[in-house]
Amino acid sequence: MPETTPVVVASLRTIDFSKLMDRDSLEMNKLILACQEVGFFFLNLNSPGCQSLLSNLDNVSQHMKEWFEQDKVAKMKTVTVSNSHGYKPVGHHAGVGKNRDGWEALKLGRSELRGRWALPSVVRENLSHFSDFQDACHFVTKLLLDCISSKLELRGNYSLQQYHRDDAPSKSSLFFNHYPTLDTAKEEVGQNQHTDLGSLTLLFAPQWGLQVLSPVDFLCLETGEQMQWQSVEPRAGHAIVNVGDTLRFLSNYRLRSALHRALPLESCDRYSIAYFLRPSDDSEFQDSMGKTTTAVNWYLQKNETYESHEKQDELILLGGIKELIHKAPICVDV
């Protein structure tokens, strides 16, 4: 994918995080609309209260670029304890089309980082940067969750916070992603289409490459027609937030968990950082097949589908929206 501006750029709402801090009613209304219309939105973090987060973003980004420059043998020595904590090499998952994936990642589970458990040396040596950054990402996503719960009038035992307890284990995790420069001679390309398994994803992507399957216009939301792949613009001082499967389930399908994918660049390496807020492991909900399951079981099922092309179209990988994809004529502009 070229680094020039793509032909089709996604039209996403921008939410001002500083206004959500004061529970501004108009901004909270915009937040709900963004979660219903596309399931993706920009989060403006250009305020004094967010400067520490953005500063630590620069710090951990530089640490990780240096870490990814190591050879594969060194990176494979990273202790990997689960799919949410450790190292994922290039080619481990199914990629775009019939290729294997073309990205690698270092994953830091929230529980593991807080417990100082099985941390790679780059994290141990720069602990305050990584710990403070993950804590800030968790704070941002929990505040978004609280605003969403309030506007959906989910309170008491039905509050979204009840499904995301900080005193219980979860698979919330911080991912550092690296997409090597596109090599057409290799059969490893990008990251396959998928929905995120958790509740909210807070993504920092300073380069082009992210695409979302989005309605051509908002009138299409009612008909399910004319969906197309649209590129998400990189914006300084902003994060990209998207709704995941479990938030879609917990909202009784009032919110949209959009399909998205990531493509490599042709002339340089691509990097991104994502924090995945996921429910407490023991939280229960009905999944895309109408079965009662727990958050940890959904996490395990979803991860199984990432690995092979035979499973890439299953309801689990696509978060239960396969029927929409087959119904809609999809225009792909890469």
Protein backbone atom coordinates (compact mmCIF):
# COMPACT_ATOMS: atom_id res chain seq x y z
CA MET A 1 0.00 0.00 0.00
CA PRO A 2 1.43 3.41 -0.93
CA GLU A 3 2.15 6.06 1.67
CA THR A 4 0.24 8.68 -0.31
CA THR A 5 -3.32 9.49 0.77
CA PRO A 6 -5.61 6.60 -0.30
CA VAL A 7 -8.53 7.25 -2.63
CA VAL A 8 -11.17 6.25 -0.08
CA VAL A 9 -10.65 7.66 3.43
CA ALA A 10 -13.05 6.75 6.25
CA SER A 11 -15.25 9.56 7.55
CA LEU A 12 -15.09 9.03 11.31
CA ARG A 13 -16.38 11.15 14.16
CA THR A 14 -13.90 12.87 16.47
CA ILE A 15 -14.57 12.69 20.22
CA ASP A 16 -12.89 15.15 22.60
CA PHE A 17 -11.61 13.19 25.60
CA SER A 18 -11.31 16.29 27.81
CA LYS A 19 -15.07 16.90 27.42
CA LEU A 20 -15.83 13.33 28.44
CA MET A 21 -13.89 13.90 31.65
CA ASP A 22 -16.66 16.33 32.64
CA ARG A 23 -19.36 14.00 31.23
CA ASP A 24 -20.37 16.61 28.66
CA SER A 25 -23.81 15.48 27.44
CA LEU A 26 -23.35 16.49 23.80
CA GLU A 27 -19.95 14.78 23.60
CA MET A 28 -21.37 11.61 25.18
CA ASN A 29 -24.15 11.62 22.57
CA LYS A 30 -21.51 11.86 19.83
CA LEU A 31 -19.67 8.95 21.45
CA ILE A 32 -22.73 6.70 21.30
CA LEU A 33 -23.43 7.66 17.69
CA ALA A 34 -19.83 6.85 16.75
CA CYS A 35 -20.15 3.41 18.37
CA GLN A 36 -23.42 2.76 16.54
CA GLU A 37 -22.64 4.14 13.07
CA VAL A 38 -19.22 2.66 12.28
CA GLY A 39 -17.83 1.36 15.57
CA PHE A 40 -14.64 3.39 14.97
CA PHE A 41 -13.82 6.96 15.97
CA PHE A 42 -10.95 9.35 16.60
CA LEU A 43 -10.24 10.32 20.20
CA ASN A 44 -8.71 13.79 20.53
CA LEU A 45 -6.03 13.71 23.24
CA ASN A 46 -4.67 17.20 22.64
CA SER A 47 -5.28 18.53 26.15
CA PRO A 48 -2.98 19.25 29.12
CA GLY A 49 -4.24 16.21 31.04
CA CYS A 50 -3.16 13.86 28.24
CA GLN A 51 0.38 15.15 27.80
CA SER A 52 1.93 12.52 30.06
CA LEU A 53 0.24 9.76 28.08
CA LEU A 54 1.49 11.20 24.77
CA SER A 55 4.99 11.66 26.18
CA ASN A 56 5.12 8.03 27.31
CA LEU A 57 3.73 7.01 23.92
CA ASP A 58 6.84 8.56 22.32
CA ASN A 59 9.08 6.81 24.86
CA VAL A 60 7.67 3.30 24.43
CA SER A 61 7.49 3.73 20.64
CA GLN A 62 11.23 4.40 20.50
CA HIS A 63 12.02 1.51 22.86
CA MET A 64 10.00 -0.89 20.72
CA LYS A 65 11.43 0.21 17.38
CA GLU A 66 14.87 -0.64 18.74
CA TRP A 67 13.59 -3.94 20.13
CA PHE A 68 12.10 -5.02 16.80
CA GLU A 69 15.46 -4.42 15.11
CA GLN A 70 16.84 -7.53 16.86
CA ASP A 71 17.16 -10.70 14.84
CA LYS A 72 14.41 -13.32 15.07
CA VAL A 73 16.52 -15.67 17.21
CA ALA A 74 16.81 -13.03 19.94
CA LYS A 75 13.10 -12.14 19.82
CA MET A 76 12.05 -15.80 19.96
CA LYS A 77 13.75 -16.07 23.36
CA THR A 78 11.01 -13.85 24.80
CA VAL A 79 9.01 -15.71 27.45
CA THR A 80 5.50 -16.22 26.07
CA VAL A 81 2.93 -17.30 28.65
CA SER A 82 -0.32 -16.75 26.69
CA ASN A 83 -1.81 -15.16 23.58
CA SER A 84 -2.01 -11.89 25.51
CA HIS A 85 1.54 -11.85 26.89
CA GLY A 86 4.70 -12.64 24.96
CA TYR A 87 6.02 -12.58 21.39
CA LYS A 88 4.13 -13.36 18.17
CA PRO A 89 6.41 -13.85 15.15
CA VAL A 90 5.59 -13.02 11.53
CA GLY A 91 3.53 -15.70 9.78
CA HIS A 92 1.91 -17.20 12.88
CA HIS A 93 -1.64 -16.20 11.80
CA ALA A 94 -3.62 -16.23 8.56
CA GLY A 95 -3.03 -13.04 6.60
CA VAL A 96 -4.75 -11.09 3.82
CA GLY A 97 -6.11 -13.32 1.04
CA LYS A 98 -4.54 -16.77 1.18
CA ASN A 99 -1.23 -15.52 2.57
CA ARG A 100 0.15 -15.88 6.05
CA ASP A 101 0.20 -12.71 8.15
CA GLY A 102 3.00 -10.17 7.75
CA TRP A 103 3.29 -8.69 11.25
CA GLU A 104 4.99 -9.41 14.54
CA ALA A 105 4.06 -8.24 18.02
CA LEU A 106 5.25 -7.97 21.58
CA LYS A 107 2.29 -8.32 23.94
CA LEU A 108 2.14 -7.14 27.55
CA GLY A 109 -0.76 -8.48 29.60
CA ARG A 110 -2.10 -5.98 32.12
CA SER A 111 -2.04 -8.57 34.93
CA GLU A 112 1.49 -9.65 34.03
CA LEU A 113 2.85 -6.10 33.88
CA ARG A 114 1.24 -5.15 37.19
CA GLY A 115 2.58 -8.37 38.75
CA ARG A 116 6.05 -7.87 37.18
CA TRP A 117 5.66 -11.36 35.74
CA ALA A 118 7.75 -12.73 32.84
CA LEU A 119 8.66 -9.28 31.54
CA PRO A 120 11.06 -8.95 28.58
CA SER A 121 14.26 -7.05 29.28
CA VAL A 122 13.19 -3.96 27.29
CA VAL A 123 10.22 -3.59 29.65
CA ARG A 124 12.20 -4.29 32.84
CA GLU A 125 14.81 -1.71 31.87
CA ASN A 126 12.18 0.96 31.11
CA LEU A 127 9.52 -0.12 33.58
CA SER A 128 8.07 3.28 34.45
CA HIS A 129 7.52 4.18 30.78
CA PHE A 130 5.66 0.96 30.00
CA SER A 131 3.76 0.77 33.27
CA ASP A 132 2.65 4.40 33.23
CA PHE A 133 1.62 4.15 29.59
CA GLN A 134 -0.46 1.02 30.10
CA ASP A 135 -2.12 2.50 33.20
CA ALA A 136 -3.04 5.63 31.23
CA CYS A 137 -4.51 3.55 28.38
CA HIS A 138 -6.54 1.57 30.90
CA PHE A 139 -7.82 4.78 32.48
CA VAL A 140 -8.89 6.20 29.11
CA THR A 141 -10.74 3.05 28.02
CA LYS A 142 -12.46 2.63 31.39
CA LEU A 143 -13.70 6.22 31.28
CA LEU A 144 -15.04 5.65 27.75
CA LEU A 145 -16.74 2.49 28.98
CA ASP A 146 -18.35 4.36 31.87
CA CYS A 147 -19.70 7.04 29.52
CA ILE A 148 -21.10 4.41 27.17
CA SER A 149 -22.73 2.53 30.03
CA SER A 150 -24.32 5.73 31.32
CA LYS A 151 -25.77 6.78 27.94
CA LEU A 152 -27.11 3.27 27.31
CA GLU A 153 -28.69 3.39 30.80
CA LEU A 154 -26.89 0.22 31.86
CA ARG A 155 -26.70 0.57 35.62
CA GLY A 156 -26.38 -1.53 38.77
CA ASN A 157 -25.74 -5.20 38.00
CA TYR A 158 -26.07 -4.41 34.29
CA SER A 159 -23.43 -1.68 34.33
CA LEU A 160 -20.58 -2.31 31.92
CA GLN A 161 -18.19 -1.64 34.80
CA GLN A 162 -19.51 -4.77 36.53
CA TYR A 163 -18.14 -6.81 33.65
CA HIS A 164 -14.75 -5.06 33.78
CA ARG A 165 -13.69 -5.25 37.43
CA ASP A 166 -10.17 -4.15 38.27
CA ASP A 167 -10.07 -6.59 41.20
CA ALA A 168 -10.51 -9.61 38.89
CA PRO A 169 -8.15 -11.13 36.29
CA SER A 170 -8.69 -10.32 32.62
CA LYS A 171 -6.97 -10.67 29.27
CA SER A 172 -6.59 -6.90 28.82
CA SER A 173 -3.30 -6.40 27.03
CA LEU A 174 -0.98 -3.90 25.36
CA PHE A 175 0.24 -4.88 21.87
CA PHE A 176 3.27 -3.40 20.11
CA ASN A 177 2.91 -4.23 16.41
CA HIS A 178 5.50 -4.18 13.64
CA TYR A 179 4.68 -4.65 9.94
CA PRO A 180 7.90 -5.05 7.92
CA THR A 181 8.08 -3.32 4.53
CA LEU A 182 5.93 -5.10 1.92
CA ASP A 183 7.93 -7.72 0.00
CA THR A 184 5.93 -9.01 -2.96
CA ALA A 185 8.22 -12.04 -3.20
CA LYS A 186 7.07 -13.29 0.19
CA GLU A 187 3.74 -14.91 1.01
CA GLU A 188 3.27 -12.92 4.22
CA VAL A 189 0.99 -9.91 3.93
CA GLY A 190 -0.60 -7.70 6.58
CA GLN A 191 -3.26 -8.71 9.08
CA ASN A 192 -6.41 -10.51 8.01
CA GLN A 193 -9.91 -9.03 8.35
CA HIS A 194 -11.33 -9.52 11.83
CA THR A 195 -13.29 -7.96 14.65
CA ASP A 196 -11.57 -7.44 18.00
CA LEU A 197 -12.55 -9.95 20.67
CA GLY A 198 -12.69 -7.56 23.64
CA SER A 199 -14.64 -4.45 24.57
CA LEU A 200 -12.68 -1.38 23.45
CA THR A 201 -9.44 -0.99 21.51
CA LEU A 202 -7.31 2.14 21.94
CA LEU A 203 -4.99 2.30 18.92
CA PHE A 204 -2.07 4.59 18.13
CA ALA A 205 -1.29 4.30 14.40
CA PRO A 206 0.89 7.15 13.08
CA GLN A 207 1.04 5.75 9.52
CA TRP A 208 -1.46 4.72 6.85
CA GLY A 209 -2.34 1.02 6.61
CA LEU A 210 -5.42 0.51 8.81
CA GLN A 211 -8.66 -0.13 6.92
CA VAL A 212 -12.22 -0.47 8.24
CA LEU A 213 -15.21 -2.03 6.49
CA SER A 214 -17.53 0.93 6.58
CA PRO A 215 -20.87 2.03 5.09
CA VAL A 216 -20.49 4.15 1.95
CA ASP A 217 -22.85 6.59 3.68
CA PHE A 218 -24.92 6.52 6.85
CA LEU A 219 -28.12 5.67 4.92
CA CYS A 220 -26.55 2.27 4.27
CA LEU A 221 -26.64 1.44 7.99
CA GLU A 222 -30.32 0.55 7.75
CA THR A 223 -30.04 -1.55 4.58
CA GLY A 224 -26.68 -3.28 5.18
CA GLU A 225 -25.67 -2.46 1.61
CA GLN A 226 -22.69 -0.81 -0.04
CA MET A 227 -20.00 -1.55 2.48
CA GLN A 228 -16.42 -0.88 1.42
CA TRP A 229 -12.89 -0.95 2.77
CA GLN A 230 -11.90 2.58 3.77
CA SER A 231 -8.51 3.76 5.01
CA VAL A 232 -8.19 5.40 8.43
CA GLU A 233 -6.23 8.64 8.48
CA PRO A 234 -3.25 8.93 10.85
CA ARG A 235 -3.69 11.95 13.15
CA ALA A 236 -1.12 13.36 15.57
CA GLY A 237 -2.37 13.73 19.13
CA HIS A 238 -5.27 11.36 18.47
CA ALA A 239 -6.00 7.73 19.17
CA ILE A 240 -8.30 5.53 17.11
CA VAL A 241 -10.91 3.69 19.18
CA ASN A 242 -13.07 0.80 18.07
CA VAL A 243 -15.78 -1.33 19.60
CA GLY A 244 -15.03 -5.03 20.09
CA ASP A 245 -17.20 -8.15 20.13
CA THR A 246 -17.92 -8.35 23.84
CA LEU A 247 -19.09 -4.73 24.05
CA ARG A 248 -21.38 -5.46 21.11
CA PHE A 249 -22.78 -8.46 22.99
CA LEU A 250 -23.08 -6.65 26.33
CA SER A 251 -24.89 -3.73 24.69
CA ASN A 252 -27.46 -6.17 23.28
CA TYR A 253 -26.16 -5.45 19.76
CA ARG A 254 -26.85 -1.73 20.02
CA LEU A 255 -23.19 -1.01 19.22
CA ARG A 256 -21.23 -1.98 16.10
CA SER A 257 -18.07 -4.09 16.13
CA ALA A 258 -16.60 -3.29 12.72
CA LEU A 259 -14.46 -5.51 10.56
CA HIS A 260 -10.99 -4.11 10.00
CA ARG A 261 -7.59 -5.16 8.71
CA ALA A 262 -4.03 -3.82 8.48
CA LEU A 263 -1.87 -3.62 5.37
CA PRO A 264 1.91 -3.10 5.12
CA LEU A 265 3.55 -0.14 3.44
CA GLU A 266 5.62 -0.46 0.27
CA SER A 267 8.53 1.79 1.19
CA CYS A 268 9.03 1.55 4.96
CA ASP A 269 8.21 -0.45 8.07
CA ARG A 270 4.90 0.26 9.81
CA TYR A 271 4.36 0.39 13.58
CA SER A 272 1.32 0.67 15.81
CA ILE A 273 0.43 0.29 19.49
CA ALA A 274 -2.91 -1.01 20.74
CA TYR A 275 -4.41 -1.39 24.19
CA PHE A 276 -7.21 -3.97 24.33
CA LEU A 277 -9.67 -3.53 27.19
CA ARG A 278 -11.27 -6.91 27.82
CA PRO A 279 -13.87 -8.03 30.37
CA SER A 280 -13.04 -9.84 33.59
CA ASP A 281 -12.33 -13.50 32.78
CA ASP A 282 -15.45 -14.77 34.60
CA SER A 283 -17.89 -12.29 32.99
CA GLU A 284 -20.76 -14.05 31.24
CA PHE A 285 -22.65 -13.05 28.07
CA GLN A 286 -24.26 -14.58 24.99
CA ASP A 287 -21.82 -14.94 22.09
CA SER A 288 -22.41 -14.59 18.33
CA MET A 289 -23.96 -18.07 18.22
CA GLY A 290 -26.40 -17.31 21.03
CA LYS A 291 -24.58 -19.46 23.57
CA THR A 292 -23.81 -18.33 27.11
CA THR A 293 -20.05 -18.14 27.52
CA THR A 294 -17.42 -16.42 29.63
CA ALA A 295 -14.97 -13.75 28.54
CA VAL A 296 -12.01 -16.11 28.90
CA ASN A 297 -13.73 -18.81 26.82
CA TRP A 298 -14.55 -16.30 24.07
CA TYR A 299 -10.91 -15.17 24.15
CA LEU A 300 -9.72 -18.77 23.70
CA GLN A 301 -12.18 -19.51 20.88
CA LYS A 302 -11.37 -16.31 19.03
CA ASN A 303 -7.62 -16.87 19.18
CA GLU A 304 -8.03 -20.32 17.63
CA THR A 305 -9.64 -18.77 14.54
CA TYR A 306 -6.71 -16.44 13.84
CA GLU A 307 -4.35 -19.22 12.86
CA SER A 308 -5.81 -20.78 9.69
CA HIS A 309 -7.58 -19.63 6.52
CA GLU A 310 -10.06 -22.46 6.89
CA LYS A 311 -11.51 -20.64 9.89
CA GLN A 312 -11.14 -17.03 8.75
CA ASP A 313 -14.80 -16.72 7.66
CA GLU A 314 -16.32 -18.33 10.75
CA LEU A 315 -18.77 -16.44 12.94
CA ILE A 316 -16.26 -16.30 15.78
CA LEU A 317 -13.51 -14.55 13.78
CA LEU A 318 -15.99 -12.09 12.30
CA GLY A 319 -17.80 -11.50 15.59
CA GLY A 320 -21.13 -12.79 14.28
CA ILE A 321 -21.46 -10.38 11.35
CA LYS A 322 -20.82 -12.88 8.56
CA GLU A 323 -24.41 -12.55 7.36
CA LEU A 324 -23.91 -8.78 6.78
CA ILE A 325 -20.79 -9.38 4.71
CA HIS A 326 -22.47 -11.93 2.46
CA LYS A 327 -25.50 -9.68 1.99
CA ALA A 328 -23.52 -6.55 1.18
CA PRO A 329 -21.71 -5.87 -2.10
CA ILE A 330 -18.20 -5.08 -0.92
CA CYS A 331 -16.03 -2.64 -2.86
CA VAL A 332 -12.35 -3.08 -2.08
CA ASP A 333 -9.97 -0.19 -2.68
CA VAL A 334 -6.45 -1.05 -1.55
